Structure formats: C-alpha cells, structure tokens
Amino acid sequence: MTRRLQILRRAAEVFERKGVAQTSIEDIASEVGIKREGIYYYFKSREDILLELILPQSDNLLRSMRNIMATASTNLDKLRSAMEMHISSYSPGYLETTVMLREKHIFKDQKKLDALRRVWRDYTDLWEELIKRGQTSGEFSDGLDAKMVSYGVLGMCNWMARWYTPDKGMEIPEITENFFRLCSYGLMRGEPDV
C-alpha cells in the first residue's frame, strides 16, 4: 500500500470513529505513524483528504446508476439493481461510504463542494427518473411523488451508515432483499402481480 493510500485509509478510520469535524491532521498523522508535515506532502488539508475519500465513491455510484438505467431491464429490476448497487457500496467501501453519508461536509473550497454536489444531484436525479419511468410504465404507483419516493428510498439505504457494521449480524444481500421488498410491495401481506 502506498503512503498516500495509507493516509486515506487511516483518515477514513479516524473520520468514522471521531467524526470529521473532531479530526485533526495531527490525529491522522498519528494513526499513520508519521509527523504532521508528512501529511502535507500528499494533501494540502483535511478537506482534500475528505474529498479524495468521498468523490471517487460518489463517482462510482453515479457511473453504476447510469449503467443500470441504460439496461433493457424492467423498472422493477432496475430498482432492485440500483438498491443492490447502492447498499453494496458499504462492502468493501464501508469506511468511505459511512464517512460520506454520516457527516455534514463543509468544504471551504467552493469548486470542490460544487463538484461533489453536482455528482450527488445527478445521482439523485437518476433515482427520481427511475421512479418516474416505473410510474409511466405502470410498474409503480403513479399516486406518489417521484422525488419524494426517491428521497425515501435513498434515505432508507443511507441510514445504514448509522447502524450497519460489516460482519456483525446482517449481510448485504439480506438487507438488500428486505429493503427491496419493502419498497416494492410495502408491508402488506403477499406480493401483488406487477
């Protein structure tokens, strides 16, 4: 593992444990076993470290969602694939995903913040588009607001950052199946023909 990757990995661990706002460059340097100045050789600031943890993970989610939307699958199958993809980002990217979803990110560099917001907005828009397509095709209930539904599905999946820990109980496929069935069929008994 290169020193740069080691710094990113240790930073993710400290961010997850202490929170971003409570983590200093000194904390990260201590975890890596180097002096504070050694961090600055690779990164200008804690903000740069955080962005390098979050942006690639966010870009991967967006790219994967675009690929799902481009398939010829039914919208119900796309919903399952999208949920599986999103929830699977917790493994092996548990730390990065947890930091990405748990923390409020306040970047002083407006360009960096804008880049991150653009990715998240595009990602959320694709979820809304998926719901709208499902409503148009008759696969999903058209009596619901597509934006609100997409926020609800993402909110449910993102809340895993508060309670999910790998190798402690529930497995990703089990969580995905339960969440998908809840979103697709609600809490009613049985599954309707869709």
C-alpha atoms as a PDB file:
ATOM      1  CA  MET A   1       0.000   0.000   0.000  1.00  0.00           C
ATOM      2  CA  THR A   2       1.414   3.387  -0.970  1.00  0.00           C
ATOM      3  CA  ARG A   3       1.824   6.082   1.678  1.00  0.00           C
ATOM      4  CA  ARG A   4      -0.938   8.138   0.036  1.00  0.00           C
ATOM      5  CA  LEU A   5      -3.393   5.220   0.228  1.00  0.00           C
ATOM      6  CA  GLN A   6      -2.304   4.509   3.773  1.00  0.00           C
ATOM      7  CA  ILE A   7      -3.094   8.103   4.738  1.00  0.00           C
ATOM      8  CA  LEU A   8      -6.507   7.885   3.087  1.00  0.00           C
ATOM      9  CA  ARG A   9      -7.290   4.576   4.799  1.00  0.00           C
ATOM     10  CA  ARG A  10      -6.256   5.769   8.250  1.00  0.00           C
ATOM     11  CA  ALA A  11      -8.052   9.083   7.733  1.00  0.00           C
ATOM     12  CA  ALA A  12     -11.271   7.219   6.881  1.00  0.00           C
ATOM     13  CA  GLU A  13     -10.910   5.180  10.061  1.00  0.00           C
ATOM     14  CA  VAL A  14     -10.368   8.282  12.208  1.00  0.00           C
ATOM     15  CA  PHE A  15     -13.183  10.197  10.477  1.00  0.00           C
ATOM     16  CA  GLU A  16     -15.535   7.264  11.067  1.00  0.00           C
ATOM     17  CA  ARG A  17     -14.504   6.918  14.713  1.00  0.00           C
ATOM     18  CA  LYS A  18     -14.267  10.581  15.759  1.00  0.00           C
ATOM     19  CA  GLY A  19     -16.211  12.453  13.099  1.00  0.00           C
ATOM     20  CA  VAL A  20     -14.696  14.738  10.507  1.00  0.00           C
ATOM     21  CA  ALA A  21     -15.090  17.950  12.492  1.00  0.00           C
ATOM     22  CA  GLN A  22     -13.288  16.464  15.510  1.00  0.00           C
ATOM     23  CA  THR A  23     -10.406  15.009  13.486  1.00  0.00           C
ATOM     24  CA  SER A  24      -7.224  16.992  13.045  1.00  0.00           C
ATOM     25  CA  ILE A  25      -4.313  16.491  10.681  1.00  0.00           C
ATOM     26  CA  GLU A  26      -2.322  15.523  13.786  1.00  0.00           C
ATOM     27  CA  ASP A  27      -4.826  12.738  14.524  1.00  0.00           C
ATOM     28  CA  ILE A  28      -4.409  11.355  11.013  1.00  0.00           C
ATOM     29  CA  ALA A  29      -0.608  11.646  11.135  1.00  0.00           C
ATOM     30  CA  SER A  30      -0.560   9.822  14.467  1.00  0.00           C
ATOM     31  CA  GLU A  31      -2.634   6.959  13.023  1.00  0.00           C
ATOM     32  CA  VAL A  32      -0.285   6.672  10.052  1.00  0.00           C
ATOM     33  CA  GLY A  33       2.804   6.902  12.268  1.00  0.00           C
ATOM     34  CA  ILE A  34       4.293   9.974  10.633  1.00  0.00           C
ATOM     35  CA  LYS A  35       4.714  13.627  11.506  1.00  0.00           C
ATOM     36  CA  ARG A  36       2.042  16.136  10.630  1.00  0.00           C
ATOM     37  CA  GLU A  37       4.271  17.633   7.947  1.00  0.00           C
ATOM     38  CA  GLY A  38       4.336  14.240   6.214  1.00  0.00           C
ATOM     39  CA  ILE A  39       0.593  14.520   5.555  1.00  0.00           C
ATOM     40  CA  TYR A  40       1.093  17.879   3.856  1.00  0.00           C
ATOM     41  CA  TYR A  41       3.486  16.300   1.392  1.00  0.00           C
ATOM     42  CA  TYR A  42       0.487  14.375  -0.016  1.00  0.00           C
ATOM     43  CA  PHE A  43      -2.504  16.560   0.861  1.00  0.00           C
ATOM     44  CA  LYS A  44      -2.982  20.296   1.368  1.00  0.00           C
ATOM     45  CA  SER A  45      -5.637  19.936   4.051  1.00  0.00           C
ATOM     46  CA  ARG A  46      -8.045  17.677   5.891  1.00  0.00           C
ATOM     47  CA  GLU A  47     -10.609  18.875   3.356  1.00  0.00           C
ATOM     48  CA  ASP A  48      -8.512  17.474   0.489  1.00  0.00           C
ATOM     49  CA  ILE A  49      -8.281  14.118   2.244  1.00  0.00           C
ATOM     50  CA  LEU A  50     -12.025  14.061   2.831  1.00  0.00           C
ATOM     51  CA  LEU A  51     -12.813  14.944  -0.774  1.00  0.00           C
ATOM     52  CA  GLU A  52     -10.468  12.251  -2.065  1.00  0.00           C
ATOM     53  CA  LEU A  53     -12.342   9.741   0.089  1.00  0.00           C
ATOM     54  CA  ILE A  54     -15.812  10.891  -0.922  1.00  0.00           C
ATOM     55  CA  LEU A  55     -15.619  11.938  -4.570  1.00  0.00           C
ATOM     56  CA  PRO A  56     -14.407   8.620  -6.063  1.00  0.00           C
ATOM     57  CA  GLN A  57     -17.059   6.705  -4.105  1.00  0.00           C
ATOM     58  CA  SER A  58     -19.711   9.167  -5.279  1.00  0.00           C
ATOM     59  CA  ASP A  59     -18.482   8.987  -8.889  1.00  0.00           C
ATOM     60  CA  ASN A  60     -18.635   5.177  -8.764  1.00  0.00           C
ATOM     61  CA  LEU A  61     -22.226   5.261  -7.543  1.00  0.00           C
ATOM     62  CA  LEU A  62     -23.205   7.696 -10.302  1.00  0.00           C
ATOM     63  CA  ARG A  63     -21.466   5.675 -13.025  1.00  0.00           C
ATOM     64  CA  SER A  64     -23.097   2.454 -11.799  1.00  0.00           C
ATOM     65  CA  MET A  65     -26.528   4.081 -11.695  1.00  0.00           C
ATOM     66  CA  ARG A  66     -26.118   5.338 -15.262  1.00  0.00           C
ATOM     67  CA  ASN A  67     -25.229   1.807 -16.349  1.00  0.00           C
ATOM     68  CA  ILE A  68     -28.315   0.398 -14.620  1.00  0.00           C
ATOM     69  CA  MET A  69     -30.560   2.998 -16.250  1.00  0.00           C
ATOM     70  CA  ALA A  70     -29.137   2.116 -19.684  1.00  0.00           C
ATOM     71  CA  THR A  71     -30.132  -1.563 -19.447  1.00  0.00           C
ATOM     72  CA  ALA A  72     -33.219  -3.008 -21.115  1.00  0.00           C
ATOM     73  CA  SER A  73     -34.464  -4.413 -17.802  1.00  0.00           C
ATOM     74  CA  THR A  74     -37.873  -3.650 -16.343  1.00  0.00           C
ATOM     75  CA  ASN A  75     -38.018  -0.697 -13.987  1.00  0.00           C
ATOM     76  CA  LEU A  76     -38.677  -3.071 -11.095  1.00  0.00           C
ATOM     77  CA  ASP A  77     -35.499  -4.976 -11.950  1.00  0.00           C
ATOM     78  CA  LYS A  78     -33.635  -1.686 -12.275  1.00  0.00           C
ATOM     79  CA  LEU A  79     -34.881  -0.690  -8.827  1.00  0.00           C
ATOM     80  CA  ARG A  80     -33.565  -3.962  -7.388  1.00  0.00           C
ATOM     81  CA  SER A  81     -30.213  -3.492  -9.169  1.00  0.00           C
ATOM     82  CA  ALA A  82     -29.943   0.123  -8.041  1.00  0.00           C
ATOM     83  CA  MET A  83     -30.693  -0.760  -4.436  1.00  0.00           C
ATOM     84  CA  GLU A  84     -28.238  -3.650  -4.546  1.00  0.00           C
ATOM     85  CA  MET A  85     -25.556  -1.405  -6.039  1.00  0.00           C
ATOM     86  CA  HIS A  86     -26.142   1.367  -3.501  1.00  0.00           C
ATOM     87  CA  ILE A  87     -26.282  -0.925  -0.477  1.00  0.00           C
ATOM     88  CA  SER A  88     -23.279  -2.928  -1.693  1.00  0.00           C
ATOM     89  CA  SER A  89     -21.198   0.247  -1.534  1.00  0.00           C
ATOM     90  CA  TYR A  90     -20.973  -0.474   2.197  1.00  0.00           C
ATOM     91  CA  SER A  91     -18.839  -3.501   1.389  1.00  0.00           C
ATOM     92  CA  PRO A  92     -15.901  -3.278   0.844  1.00  0.00           C
ATOM     93  CA  GLY A  93     -16.161   0.543   0.941  1.00  0.00           C
ATOM     94  CA  TYR A  94     -17.670   0.579   4.436  1.00  0.00           C
ATOM     95  CA  LEU A  95     -15.477   3.333   5.855  1.00  0.00           C
ATOM     96  CA  GLU A  96     -15.652   5.585   2.821  1.00  0.00           C
ATOM     97  CA  THR A  97     -19.405   5.162   2.433  1.00  0.00           C
ATOM     98  CA  THR A  98     -20.012   5.673   6.138  1.00  0.00           C
ATOM     99  CA  VAL A  99     -17.951   8.856   6.209  1.00  0.00           C
ATOM    100  CA  MET A 100     -19.659  10.033   3.019  1.00  0.00           C
ATOM    101  CA  LEU A 101     -23.157   9.541   4.425  1.00  0.00           C
ATOM    102  CA  ARG A 102     -22.733  10.286   8.121  1.00  0.00           C
ATOM    103  CA  GLU A 103     -21.009  13.609   8.024  1.00  0.00           C
ATOM    104  CA  LYS A 104     -22.055  17.074   7.044  1.00  0.00           C
ATOM    105  CA  HIS A 105     -19.396  18.187   4.655  1.00  0.00           C
ATOM    106  CA  ILE A 106     -18.351  21.780   4.823  1.00  0.00           C
ATOM    107  CA  PHE A 107     -15.716  22.470   2.225  1.00  0.00           C
ATOM    108  CA  LYS A 108     -14.133  25.891   2.170  1.00  0.00           C
ATOM    109  CA  ASP A 109     -13.169  25.365  -1.457  1.00  0.00           C
ATOM    110  CA  GLN A 110     -16.384  26.150  -3.332  1.00  0.00           C
ATOM    111  CA  LYS A 111     -15.207  24.391  -6.515  1.00  0.00           C
ATOM    112  CA  LYS A 112     -14.729  21.129  -4.611  1.00  0.00           C
ATOM    113  CA  LEU A 113     -18.065  21.463  -2.903  1.00  0.00           C
ATOM    114  CA  ASP A 114     -19.769  22.231  -6.223  1.00  0.00           C
ATOM    115  CA  ALA A 115     -18.172  19.171  -7.866  1.00  0.00           C
ATOM    116  CA  LEU A 116     -19.393  16.925  -5.062  1.00  0.00           C
ATOM    117  CA  ARG A 117     -22.873  18.434  -5.051  1.00  0.00           C
ATOM    118  CA  ARG A 118     -23.132  18.030  -8.823  1.00  0.00           C
ATOM    119  CA  VAL A 119     -22.379  14.298  -8.564  1.00  0.00           C
ATOM    120  CA  TRP A 120     -24.881  13.831  -5.732  1.00  0.00           C
ATOM    121  CA  ARG A 121     -27.545  15.840  -7.594  1.00  0.00           C
ATOM    122  CA  ASP A 122     -27.048  13.827 -10.779  1.00  0.00           C
ATOM    123  CA  TYR A 123     -27.220  10.610  -8.791  1.00  0.00           C
ATOM    124  CA  THR A 124     -30.422  11.610  -7.015  1.00  0.00           C
ATOM    125  CA  ASP A 125     -31.944  12.772 -10.314  1.00  0.00           C
ATOM    126  CA  LEU A 126     -31.369   9.308 -11.791  1.00  0.00           C
ATOM    127  CA  TRP A 127     -33.241   7.723  -8.882  1.00  0.00           C
ATOM    128  CA  GLU A 128     -36.129  10.097  -9.450  1.00  0.00           C
ATOM    129  CA  GLU A 129     -36.056   9.296 -13.183  1.00  0.00           C
ATOM    130  CA  LEU A 130     -36.213   5.576 -12.380  1.00  0.00           C
ATOM    131  CA  ILE A 131     -39.305   6.086 -10.230  1.00  0.00           C
ATOM    132  CA  LYS A 132     -40.952   8.234 -12.926  1.00  0.00           C
ATOM    133  CA  ARG A 133     -40.235   5.639 -15.604  1.00  0.00           C
ATOM    134  CA  GLY A 134     -41.748   2.957 -13.400  1.00  0.00           C
ATOM    135  CA  GLN A 135     -44.834   5.103 -12.867  1.00  0.00           C
ATOM    136  CA  THR A 136     -45.172   5.801 -16.593  1.00  0.00           C
ATOM    137  CA  SER A 137     -44.865   2.104 -17.454  1.00  0.00           C
ATOM    138  CA  GLY A 138     -47.440   1.176 -14.809  1.00  0.00           C
ATOM    139  CA  GLU A 139     -44.970  -0.841 -12.725  1.00  0.00           C
ATOM    140  CA  PHE A 140     -45.035   1.640  -9.819  1.00  0.00           C
ATOM    141  CA  SER A 141     -47.917   3.508  -8.244  1.00  0.00           C
ATOM    142  CA  ASP A 142     -48.454   6.812 -10.015  1.00  0.00           C
ATOM    143  CA  GLY A 143     -50.151   8.344  -6.997  1.00  0.00           C
ATOM    144  CA  LEU A 144     -46.831   9.083  -5.306  1.00  0.00           C
ATOM    145  CA  ASP A 145     -44.441  11.980  -5.802  1.00  0.00           C
ATOM    146  CA  ALA A 146     -41.391  10.555  -7.619  1.00  0.00           C
ATOM    147  CA  LYS A 147     -38.920  12.936  -5.985  1.00  0.00           C
ATOM    148  CA  MET A 148     -40.233  12.166  -2.525  1.00  0.00           C
ATOM    149  CA  VAL A 149     -40.154   8.416  -3.214  1.00  0.00           C
ATOM    150  CA  SER A 150     -36.568   8.605  -4.491  1.00  0.00           C
ATOM    151  CA  TYR A 151     -35.541  10.553  -1.375  1.00  0.00           C
ATOM    152  CA  GLY A 152     -37.316   7.982   0.778  1.00  0.00           C
ATOM    153  CA  VAL A 153     -35.574   5.008  -0.841  1.00  0.00           C
ATOM    154  CA  LEU A 154     -32.173   6.689  -0.693  1.00  0.00           C
ATOM    155  CA  GLY A 155     -32.812   7.832   2.879  1.00  0.00           C
ATOM    156  CA  MET A 156     -33.601   4.290   3.961  1.00  0.00           C
ATOM    157  CA  CYS A 157     -30.463   2.961   2.283  1.00  0.00           C
ATOM    158  CA  ASN A 158     -28.264   5.805   3.527  1.00  0.00           C
ATOM    159  CA  TRP A 159     -29.409   5.376   7.126  1.00  0.00           C
ATOM    160  CA  MET A 160     -27.384   2.155   7.140  1.00  0.00           C
ATOM    161  CA  ALA A 161     -24.390   4.416   7.807  1.00  0.00           C
ATOM    162  CA  ARG A 162     -25.821   4.805  11.311  1.00  0.00           C
ATOM    163  CA  TRP A 163     -26.283   1.151  12.184  1.00  0.00           C
ATOM    164  CA  TYR A 164     -24.557  -1.217   9.760  1.00  0.00           C
ATOM    165  CA  THR A 165     -21.238  -2.810  10.678  1.00  0.00           C
ATOM    166  CA  PRO A 166     -19.708  -5.479   8.429  1.00  0.00           C
ATOM    167  CA  ASP A 167     -19.540  -8.987   9.875  1.00  0.00           C
ATOM    168  CA  LYS A 168     -21.898  -8.161  12.753  1.00  0.00           C
ATOM    169  CA  GLY A 169     -25.235  -9.745  12.067  1.00  0.00           C
ATOM    170  CA  MET A 170     -26.994  -8.792   8.869  1.00  0.00           C
ATOM    171  CA  GLU A 171     -25.422  -9.413   5.488  1.00  0.00           C
ATOM    172  CA  ILE A 172     -25.651  -7.072   2.485  1.00  0.00           C
ATOM    173  CA  PRO A 173     -27.793  -9.462   0.354  1.00  0.00           C
ATOM    174  CA  GLU A 174     -30.278  -9.884   3.226  1.00  0.00           C
ATOM    175  CA  ILE A 175     -30.530  -6.124   3.768  1.00  0.00           C
ATOM    176  CA  THR A 176     -30.942  -5.540   0.035  1.00  0.00           C
ATOM    177  CA  GLU A 177     -33.722  -8.113  -0.262  1.00  0.00           C
ATOM    178  CA  ASN A 178     -35.618  -6.738   2.745  1.00  0.00           C
ATOM    179  CA  PHE A 179     -35.317  -3.134   1.602  1.00  0.00           C
ATOM    180  CA  PHE A 180     -36.282  -4.028  -1.974  1.00  0.00           C
ATOM    181  CA  ARG A 181     -39.367  -5.958  -0.864  1.00  0.00           C
ATOM    182  CA  LEU A 182     -40.369  -3.101   1.450  1.00  0.00           C
ATOM    183  CA  CYS A 183     -40.019  -0.539  -1.360  1.00  0.00           C
ATOM    184  CA  SER A 184     -41.670  -2.730  -3.982  1.00  0.00           C
ATOM    185  CA  TYR A 185     -44.540  -4.259  -2.057  1.00  0.00           C
ATOM    186  CA  GLY A 186     -44.812  -2.321   1.193  1.00  0.00           C
ATOM    187  CA  LEU A 187     -45.819  -4.049   4.375  1.00  0.00           C
ATOM    188  CA  MET A 188     -48.949  -5.710   3.006  1.00  0.00           C
ATOM    189  CA  ARG A 189     -49.259  -9.487   3.106  1.00  0.00           C
ATOM    190  CA  GLY A 190     -48.194 -11.253  -0.059  1.00  0.00           C
ATOM    191  CA  GLU A 191     -46.890  -9.719  -3.232  1.00  0.00           C
ATOM    192  CA  PRO A 192     -49.217  -8.314  -5.880  1.00  0.00           C
ATOM    193  CA  ASP A 193     -48.762  -9.146  -9.525  1.00  0.00           C
ATOM    194  CA  VAL A 194     -46.691  -6.358 -11.014  1.00  0.00           C
END
